[in-house]
Amino acid sequence: MRVAVVGCSHGELDAMYATIEHINSMENEEPVQLLLCCGDFQCFRNEADVECMACPPKYRSLGVFHEYYTGAKVAPVLTIFIGGNHEASNYLQDLYYGGYVAPNIFYLGCAGVVQVNGLRIAGMSGIYKSHDYTLGHFERYPYDNSTMRSIYHVREYQVYQLGHLKDKAPIDIFLSHDWPRGIEQYGRADLLLRRKPFLRDEIARGEFGSPPGEYLLHTLQPSYWFSGHMHVKFAAIVNHPSLKSTKFLALDKCLPNRDFMQVVNIPAPQKSTTTPTLTMDLEWLAVLRATHHLASADRNRPRVPEEDMTIEQADVEWIQSRLPDGRIDWICPFEQVAATTVGNRQTDALLNLLKLPHVVTTPHVERLAAVADPNSIDIDQEEADPNAIDIDDL
């Protein structure tokens, strides 16, 4: 399967899809069928979403995603993305476990795994900050200046869940926003420092990159690992003691004359000459179910256990038995929601499938606007007295 990978999208959907259509016009026999985006996707439906992005106000812009959300435009290829540190955090929080944000555009979740034609794609949203790593997912809308930032910080709980995949089926592709710590040692660090000299001290101290990313890289050993965040192209190959290897690639942000996109040929177990199919990963759903009791919406949450949860084939079969007709398509189709809506039906449907309660998410509710009582009196509005004299006329 020909897969296009983008570093930081920054809301430039039109430019990304135009680039893919140009590539496909040159290679029409083997078109790009899948687009993977490594964060800062910025799926703003409206100005309220824009206000939830952590950045200086002068950089806030609605962009064009809302046209894809309403259906005025349609993504020409299946698009999967993770969150970065500049996002519509309110929208993505309602899709904590992942889901469609628009037709043919899928958010992988705070941490998630899906399959596309048998390709196993895992990912982790956000960036690492040590002071928030062990906290619960306590942030709630409306955000203040602090929670607008902490909401996209990677948590220990996500990493603990993803770590359970190490003894399961191999991961073909892993997506992260920031880079795994130490990855520069496996590529041309000299060329990286020529482009980004300010990284020299961090690299010398061994502090550049994400420690959780480093752990997952060496634990899961995916075939490919793609990242964004640093706005520079960088490639590396990690050879693991298991004799497996991971091809790492970071890409720039979507701007003219920048290395923001790379097309990669990745063997897919299920070939398709038409539209690729996104399906749920049953082993990942079993991990979600087995670890859900550890989820916390409190700021100060207990640390995760040192041992993994026991997940057996019977747990996967239980989930399989819950699927209508055994279908593993995504649990719920995309639908637009009213501006006053809280939660998302896709999240409700997934938790219902797994028989789990809401903990870090909110049930879907459509808030109705208050209806004015025609018999009520507005005490703030005084009726004009026909006998009154306006003293300004005197």
Protein backbone atom coordinates (compact mmCIF):
# COMPACT_ATOMS: atom_id res chain seq x y z
CA MET A 1 0.00 0.00 0.00
CA ARG A 2 1.28 3.46 -0.88
CA VAL A 3 1.03 5.54 2.28
CA ALA A 4 1.60 9.30 2.47
CA VAL A 5 2.96 10.61 5.77
CA VAL A 6 2.84 14.26 6.88
CA GLY A 7 4.68 15.81 9.81
CA CYS A 8 2.65 18.71 11.27
CA SER A 9 -0.54 19.45 9.33
CA HIS A 10 -1.32 22.88 10.88
CA GLY A 11 -4.79 22.77 9.33
CA GLU A 12 -3.49 22.79 5.74
CA LEU A 13 -5.84 20.07 4.48
CA ASP A 14 -6.31 21.57 1.02
CA ALA A 15 -2.54 21.69 0.46
CA MET A 16 -2.03 18.12 1.70
CA TYR A 17 -4.76 16.66 -0.48
CA ALA A 18 -3.65 18.70 -3.51
CA THR A 19 -0.16 17.26 -3.08
CA ILE A 20 -1.55 13.72 -2.94
CA GLU A 21 -3.68 14.29 -6.03
CA HIS A 22 -0.59 15.56 -7.85
CA ILE A 23 1.37 12.47 -6.79
CA ASN A 24 -1.48 10.22 -7.92
CA SER A 25 -1.62 11.95 -11.29
CA MET A 26 2.02 10.98 -11.79
CA GLU A 27 1.57 7.41 -10.46
CA ASN A 28 -2.02 6.56 -11.38
CA GLU A 29 -1.40 2.80 -11.44
CA GLU A 30 -0.38 2.77 -7.76
CA PRO A 31 -2.16 5.70 -6.11
CA VAL A 32 -1.71 6.82 -2.53
CA GLN A 33 -4.54 5.18 -0.57
CA LEU A 34 -3.82 6.31 2.98
CA LEU A 35 -2.64 9.55 4.61
CA LEU A 36 -1.07 9.54 8.09
CA CYS A 37 -0.64 12.84 9.97
CA CYS A 38 1.68 13.15 12.96
CA GLY A 39 -0.10 15.85 14.96
CA ASP A 40 -1.09 19.52 15.02
CA PHE A 41 -3.96 18.55 12.74
CA GLN A 42 -6.21 21.40 13.97
CA CYS A 43 -9.72 20.10 13.23
CA PHE A 44 -11.52 23.35 14.02
CA ARG A 45 -15.27 23.20 13.36
CA ASN A 46 -15.90 26.78 14.49
CA GLU A 47 -14.35 29.71 16.32
CA ALA A 48 -15.11 28.12 19.71
CA ASP A 49 -12.81 25.24 18.75
CA VAL A 50 -10.10 27.69 17.69
CA GLU A 51 -10.18 29.26 21.15
CA CYS A 52 -9.29 25.86 22.65
CA MET A 53 -5.91 25.72 20.90
CA ALA A 54 -2.92 26.54 23.06
CA CYS A 55 -0.91 29.18 21.20
CA PRO A 56 -0.59 32.97 21.03
CA PRO A 57 -3.87 34.47 19.74
CA LYS A 58 -2.18 35.94 16.64
CA TYR A 59 -1.55 32.39 15.36
CA ARG A 60 -5.16 31.25 15.74
CA SER A 61 -7.03 30.79 12.49
CA LEU A 62 -10.15 28.81 11.58
CA GLY A 63 -8.56 27.22 8.53
CA VAL A 64 -10.47 24.93 6.16
CA PHE A 65 -11.27 21.82 8.22
CA HIS A 66 -14.83 23.05 8.84
CA GLU A 67 -15.52 22.59 5.13
CA TYR A 68 -14.61 18.90 5.43
CA TYR A 69 -16.65 18.64 8.63
CA THR A 70 -19.82 19.92 6.96
CA GLY A 71 -19.29 17.83 3.83
CA ALA A 72 -18.68 20.81 1.54
CA LYS A 73 -15.38 19.05 0.79
CA VAL A 74 -14.48 15.37 1.20
CA ALA A 75 -11.05 13.94 1.96
CA PRO A 76 -9.98 12.11 -1.22
CA VAL A 77 -8.05 9.46 0.75
CA LEU A 78 -8.59 7.83 4.13
CA THR A 79 -6.81 10.07 6.64
CA ILE A 80 -5.65 9.01 10.12
CA PHE A 81 -4.09 11.47 12.55
CA ILE A 82 -2.90 11.82 16.11
CA GLY A 83 -3.02 14.93 18.26
CA GLY A 84 -0.09 17.26 18.85
CA ASN A 85 0.28 20.31 21.07
CA HIS A 86 -1.82 22.69 18.94
CA GLU A 87 -5.28 21.18 18.55
CA ALA A 88 -9.03 21.62 18.99
CA SER A 89 -8.66 20.02 22.40
CA ASN A 90 -12.38 20.21 23.22
CA TYR A 91 -13.36 18.22 20.11
CA LEU A 92 -10.61 15.63 20.54
CA GLN A 93 -11.36 15.17 24.25
CA ASP A 94 -14.88 14.00 23.36
CA LEU A 95 -13.22 11.39 21.09
CA TYR A 96 -10.73 10.21 23.70
CA TYR A 97 -10.78 6.64 22.33
CA GLY A 98 -10.69 7.79 18.71
CA GLY A 99 -13.29 8.25 16.02
CA TYR A 100 -14.20 10.05 12.83
CA VAL A 101 -13.92 13.84 13.06
CA ALA A 102 -15.25 14.22 9.50
CA PRO A 103 -16.09 11.85 6.65
CA ASN A 104 -12.97 9.79 5.81
CA ILE A 105 -10.86 11.55 8.49
CA PHE A 106 -10.14 9.48 11.62
CA TYR A 107 -8.58 10.52 14.93
CA LEU A 108 -6.58 7.70 16.53
CA GLY A 109 -7.42 8.88 20.05
CA CYS A 110 -5.34 9.79 23.08
CA ALA A 111 -3.77 6.39 22.47
CA GLY A 112 -5.13 3.92 19.97
CA VAL A 113 -4.73 1.09 17.50
CA VAL A 114 -6.70 0.42 14.31
CA GLN A 115 -6.13 -1.66 11.20
CA VAL A 116 -6.27 -0.60 7.56
CA ASN A 117 -6.38 -3.55 5.16
CA GLY A 118 -4.63 -5.57 7.86
CA LEU A 119 -1.91 -2.96 8.51
CA ARG A 120 -1.74 -2.46 12.28
CA ILE A 121 -1.41 1.26 13.06
CA ALA A 122 -0.84 2.45 16.64
CA GLY A 123 -0.29 5.92 17.98
CA MET A 124 -0.01 8.25 20.95
CA SER A 125 -1.23 11.84 20.92
CA GLY A 126 0.37 14.81 22.64
CA ILE A 127 3.85 15.61 23.91
CA TYR A 128 5.79 14.59 27.01
CA LYS A 129 6.08 16.88 30.03
CA SER A 130 7.44 15.26 33.19
CA HIS A 131 5.36 17.33 35.63
CA ASP A 132 2.06 16.06 34.17
CA TYR A 133 3.08 12.51 33.26
CA THR A 134 1.59 10.73 36.30
CA LEU A 135 -1.57 12.84 36.57
CA GLY A 136 -5.07 11.75 35.67
CA HIS A 137 -7.08 13.20 32.79
CA PHE A 138 -8.62 15.88 34.99
CA GLU A 139 -9.05 18.67 32.42
CA ARG A 140 -12.58 19.79 31.63
CA TYR A 141 -14.00 22.36 29.23
CA PRO A 142 -13.91 25.36 29.48
CA TYR A 143 -10.13 25.27 29.86
CA ASP A 144 -7.94 27.85 31.53
CA ASN A 145 -4.42 28.74 30.38
CA SER A 146 -3.01 25.83 32.36
CA THR A 147 -5.42 23.03 31.42
CA MET A 148 -5.41 24.16 27.78
CA ARG A 149 -1.81 22.93 27.79
CA SER A 150 -1.82 20.04 30.23
CA ILE A 151 -4.64 18.35 28.30
CA TYR A 152 -2.25 17.40 25.50
CA HIS A 153 0.53 16.12 27.76
CA VAL A 154 1.18 12.38 27.53
CA ARG A 155 0.12 10.40 30.60
CA GLU A 156 1.62 7.29 32.17
CA TYR A 157 -1.74 5.54 31.78
CA GLN A 158 -1.65 5.79 27.97
CA VAL A 159 1.88 4.40 27.85
CA TYR A 160 0.95 1.58 30.22
CA GLN A 161 -1.92 0.60 27.93
CA LEU A 162 0.21 0.69 24.77
CA GLY A 163 2.91 -1.35 26.49
CA HIS A 164 0.49 -4.31 26.64
CA LEU A 165 0.87 -4.71 22.87
CA LYS A 166 4.43 -6.03 23.15
CA ASP A 167 3.36 -9.68 23.26
CA LYS A 168 0.56 -9.29 20.72
CA ALA A 169 0.54 -9.14 16.93
CA PRO A 170 3.37 -6.96 15.53
CA ILE A 171 2.82 -3.22 15.09
CA ASP A 172 3.40 -2.12 11.50
CA ILE A 173 3.25 1.65 12.05
CA PHE A 174 3.48 3.83 15.16
CA LEU A 175 2.65 7.56 15.16
CA SER A 176 3.83 10.09 17.73
CA HIS A 177 4.05 13.86 17.73
CA ASP A 178 7.32 14.36 19.58
CA TRP A 179 10.31 12.12 18.89
CA PRO A 180 11.42 9.15 21.00
CA ARG A 181 14.30 10.15 23.25
CA GLY A 182 17.70 9.25 21.82
CA ILE A 183 16.48 8.65 18.27
CA GLU A 184 19.08 11.09 16.92
CA GLN A 185 21.78 8.54 17.81
CA TYR A 186 20.48 6.21 15.11
CA GLY A 187 20.70 8.72 12.26
CA ARG A 188 22.80 11.65 11.05
CA ALA A 189 22.78 13.75 14.21
CA ASP A 190 25.33 16.08 12.63
CA LEU A 191 22.91 16.99 9.84
CA LEU A 192 20.10 17.45 12.37
CA LEU A 193 22.23 19.87 14.39
CA ARG A 194 23.11 21.78 11.26
CA ARG A 195 19.38 22.40 10.74
CA LYS A 196 18.46 22.75 14.42
CA PRO A 197 21.59 23.92 16.32
CA PHE A 198 19.55 24.85 19.40
CA LEU A 199 19.13 21.12 20.12
CA ARG A 200 22.83 20.62 20.82
CA ASP A 201 22.68 21.09 24.60
CA GLU A 202 19.53 18.97 25.02
CA ILE A 203 21.08 16.15 23.03
CA ALA A 204 24.34 16.37 25.01
CA ARG A 205 22.37 16.05 28.26
CA GLY A 206 20.34 13.12 26.91
CA GLU A 207 17.14 15.12 27.35
CA PHE A 208 16.00 15.56 23.76
CA GLY A 209 12.84 13.63 22.96
CA SER A 210 10.20 11.70 24.87
CA PRO A 211 11.21 9.02 27.43
CA PRO A 212 7.82 7.25 27.05
CA GLY A 213 8.36 7.28 23.29
CA GLU A 214 11.80 5.74 23.79
CA TYR A 215 10.28 3.00 25.97
CA LEU A 216 7.57 2.18 23.43
CA LEU A 217 10.02 2.23 20.52
CA HIS A 218 12.20 -0.43 22.10
CA THR A 219 9.30 -2.36 23.63
CA LEU A 220 6.92 -2.55 20.67
CA GLN A 221 9.60 -2.46 17.95
CA PRO A 222 7.23 -1.37 15.15
CA SER A 223 8.33 -1.65 11.53
CA TYR A 224 7.86 2.11 11.01
CA TRP A 225 7.71 5.06 13.41
CA PHE A 226 6.62 8.47 12.12
CA SER A 227 6.77 11.79 14.02
CA GLY A 228 6.37 15.55 13.57
CA HIS A 229 6.76 18.39 16.09
CA MET A 230 10.32 19.55 15.35
CA HIS A 231 9.55 20.89 11.84
CA VAL A 232 12.50 19.13 10.22
CA LYS A 233 13.00 15.98 8.17
CA PHE A 234 15.11 13.34 9.88
CA ALA A 235 15.52 9.61 9.19
CA ALA A 236 17.00 6.83 11.30
CA ILE A 237 17.07 3.04 11.51
CA VAL A 238 16.93 1.32 14.90
CA ASN A 239 18.21 -2.26 14.92
CA HIS A 240 16.79 -4.10 17.92
CA PRO A 241 18.46 -7.04 19.75
CA SER A 242 15.51 -9.17 18.60
CA LEU A 243 16.86 -8.71 15.04
CA LYS A 244 13.83 -6.59 14.19
CA SER A 245 14.37 -3.06 12.93
CA THR A 246 12.36 0.15 13.05
CA LYS A 247 12.55 2.74 10.28
CA PHE A 248 12.06 6.17 11.86
CA LEU A 249 11.05 9.24 9.88
CA ALA A 250 10.22 12.73 11.12
CA LEU A 251 8.83 15.32 8.72
CA ASP A 252 8.42 19.09 8.51
CA LYS A 253 5.24 21.16 8.74
CA CYS A 254 2.98 21.66 5.74
CA LEU A 255 4.40 24.70 3.94
CA PRO A 256 5.65 25.32 0.38
CA ASN A 257 9.18 24.09 -0.35
CA ARG A 258 9.37 22.13 2.91
CA ASP A 259 9.83 18.37 3.39
CA PHE A 260 6.40 17.88 4.92
CA MET A 261 5.27 14.74 3.05
CA GLN A 262 6.83 11.38 2.21
CA VAL A 263 5.22 8.49 0.32
CA VAL A 264 6.15 5.04 1.64
CA ASN A 265 5.38 1.65 0.12
CA ILE A 266 4.30 -0.65 2.96
CA PRO A 267 3.25 -4.27 2.32
CA ALA A 268 -0.37 -4.72 3.45
CA PRO A 269 -1.78 -8.16 4.34
CA GLN A 270 -4.98 -7.35 2.45
CA LYS A 271 -4.51 -5.67 -0.91
CA SER A 272 -7.23 -3.41 -2.25
CA THR A 273 -7.61 -1.78 -5.63
CA THR A 274 -10.41 0.42 -4.32
CA THR A 275 -10.98 2.27 -1.06
CA PRO A 276 -9.00 0.87 1.90
CA THR A 277 -11.00 -0.30 4.91
CA LEU A 278 -10.45 0.91 8.48
CA THR A 279 -11.35 -1.64 11.15
CA MET A 280 -11.11 -1.89 14.91
CA ASP A 281 -8.23 -3.80 16.49
CA LEU A 282 -9.75 -6.39 18.81
CA GLU A 283 -6.59 -6.92 20.85
CA TRP A 284 -6.46 -3.20 21.57
CA LEU A 285 -10.11 -3.22 22.63
CA ALA A 286 -9.25 -6.06 25.02
CA VAL A 287 -6.45 -3.89 26.45
CA LEU A 288 -8.87 -0.97 26.92
CA ARG A 289 -11.31 -3.22 28.76
CA ALA A 290 -8.66 -4.82 30.98
CA THR A 291 -7.13 -1.47 32.02
CA HIS A 292 -10.26 0.68 32.29
CA HIS A 293 -10.43 0.35 36.08
CA LEU A 294 -7.15 2.28 36.23
CA ALA A 295 -8.56 5.30 34.36
CA SER A 296 -8.88 8.43 36.47
CA ALA A 297 -10.36 11.88 36.00
CA ASP A 298 -8.69 13.09 39.20
CA ARG A 299 -5.63 15.28 39.08
CA ASN A 300 -3.72 13.10 41.53
CA ARG A 301 -4.26 9.52 40.45
CA PRO A 302 -2.67 6.30 41.74
CA ARG A 303 0.39 5.09 39.82
CA VAL A 304 -0.18 2.29 37.33
CA PRO A 305 0.88 -1.23 38.43
CA GLU A 306 4.35 -2.52 37.61
CA GLU A 307 2.81 -5.69 36.20
CA ASP A 308 0.71 -5.90 33.04
CA MET A 309 -2.91 -6.96 33.13
CA THR A 310 -3.57 -10.53 32.00
CA ILE A 311 -5.21 -10.47 28.57
CA GLU A 312 -6.06 -13.81 26.99
CA GLN A 313 -7.63 -14.98 23.76
CA ALA A 314 -10.91 -15.41 25.64
CA ASP A 315 -11.00 -11.64 26.23
CA VAL A 316 -10.67 -11.01 22.50
CA GLU A 317 -13.35 -13.61 21.75
CA TRP A 318 -15.72 -11.93 24.24
CA ILE A 319 -15.40 -8.67 22.31
CA GLN A 320 -15.86 -10.52 19.02
CA SER A 321 -19.10 -12.01 20.36
CA ARG A 322 -20.41 -8.51 21.12
CA LEU A 323 -20.01 -7.27 17.55
CA PRO A 324 -23.16 -7.26 15.39
CA ASP A 325 -22.69 -10.00 12.77
CA GLY A 326 -19.04 -10.14 13.82
CA ARG A 327 -18.28 -6.95 11.86
CA ILE A 328 -15.16 -5.10 12.95
CA ASP A 329 -15.84 -1.84 11.10
CA TRP A 330 -15.57 1.23 13.30
CA ILE A 331 -18.27 1.15 15.94
CA CYS A 332 -20.29 4.18 14.85
CA PRO A 333 -20.45 6.38 11.72
CA PHE A 334 -19.51 10.04 11.72
CA GLU A 335 -22.25 12.58 12.37
CA GLN A 336 -22.21 16.32 12.80
CA VAL A 337 -23.13 17.56 16.26
CA ALA A 338 -24.76 20.77 17.41
CA ALA A 339 -22.53 23.45 18.86
CA THR A 340 -24.18 22.91 22.26
CA THR A 341 -23.56 19.14 22.27
CA VAL A 342 -21.46 17.53 25.00
CA GLY A 343 -19.70 14.23 24.37
CA ASN A 344 -19.83 12.12 21.21
CA ARG A 345 -21.97 9.15 20.17
CA GLN A 346 -18.90 7.29 18.91
CA THR A 347 -17.41 7.28 22.41
CA ASP A 348 -20.73 6.16 23.91
CA ALA A 349 -21.00 3.33 21.38
CA LEU A 350 -17.46 2.07 22.04
CA LEU A 351 -17.92 2.06 25.82
CA ASN A 352 -21.28 0.34 25.39
CA LEU A 353 -19.63 -2.36 23.26
CA LEU A 354 -17.06 -2.98 25.99
CA LYS A 355 -19.65 -2.60 28.80
CA LEU A 356 -17.60 0.14 30.44
CA PRO A 357 -18.66 3.37 32.21
CA HIS A 358 -17.55 6.88 31.34
CA VAL A 359 -14.59 7.90 33.51
CA VAL A 360 -12.39 10.35 31.59
CA THR A 361 -15.11 11.12 29.04
CA THR A 362 -18.61 12.64 29.16
CA PRO A 363 -21.80 10.96 27.89
CA HIS A 364 -23.29 12.42 24.73
CA VAL A 365 -25.94 15.04 25.59
CA GLU A 366 -27.62 17.59 23.35
CA ARG A 367 -28.21 20.70 25.38
CA LEU A 368 -31.37 22.48 24.34
CA ALA A 369 -31.35 26.25 24.27
CA ALA A 370 -33.63 27.83 26.85
CA VAL A 371 -37.03 28.74 25.42
CA ALA A 372 -38.32 32.18 26.35
CA ASP A 373 -41.58 32.30 28.34
CA PRO A 374 -43.96 34.63 26.48
CA ASN A 375 -45.63 35.56 29.78
CA SER A 376 -42.43 36.48 31.58
CA ILE A 377 -41.40 40.06 32.31
CA ASP A 378 -37.86 41.21 31.68
CA ILE A 379 -37.08 43.27 34.78
CA ASP A 380 -34.00 44.70 33.05
CA GLN A 381 -36.12 46.30 30.35
CA GLU A 382 -38.27 49.25 31.43
CA GLU A 383 -41.29 50.29 29.38
CA ALA A 384 -41.29 53.88 28.22
CA ASP A 385 -43.63 56.18 30.19
CA PRO A 386 -45.56 58.38 27.70
CA ASN A 387 -45.81 61.12 30.37
CA ALA A 388 -42.11 61.15 31.16
CA ILE A 389 -40.02 64.16 30.17
CA ASP A 390 -36.53 63.64 28.81
CA ILE A 391 -34.42 66.09 30.81
CA ASP A 392 -31.91 66.18 27.94
CA ASP A 393 -34.57 67.99 25.92
CA LEU A 394 -34.81 70.82 28.47
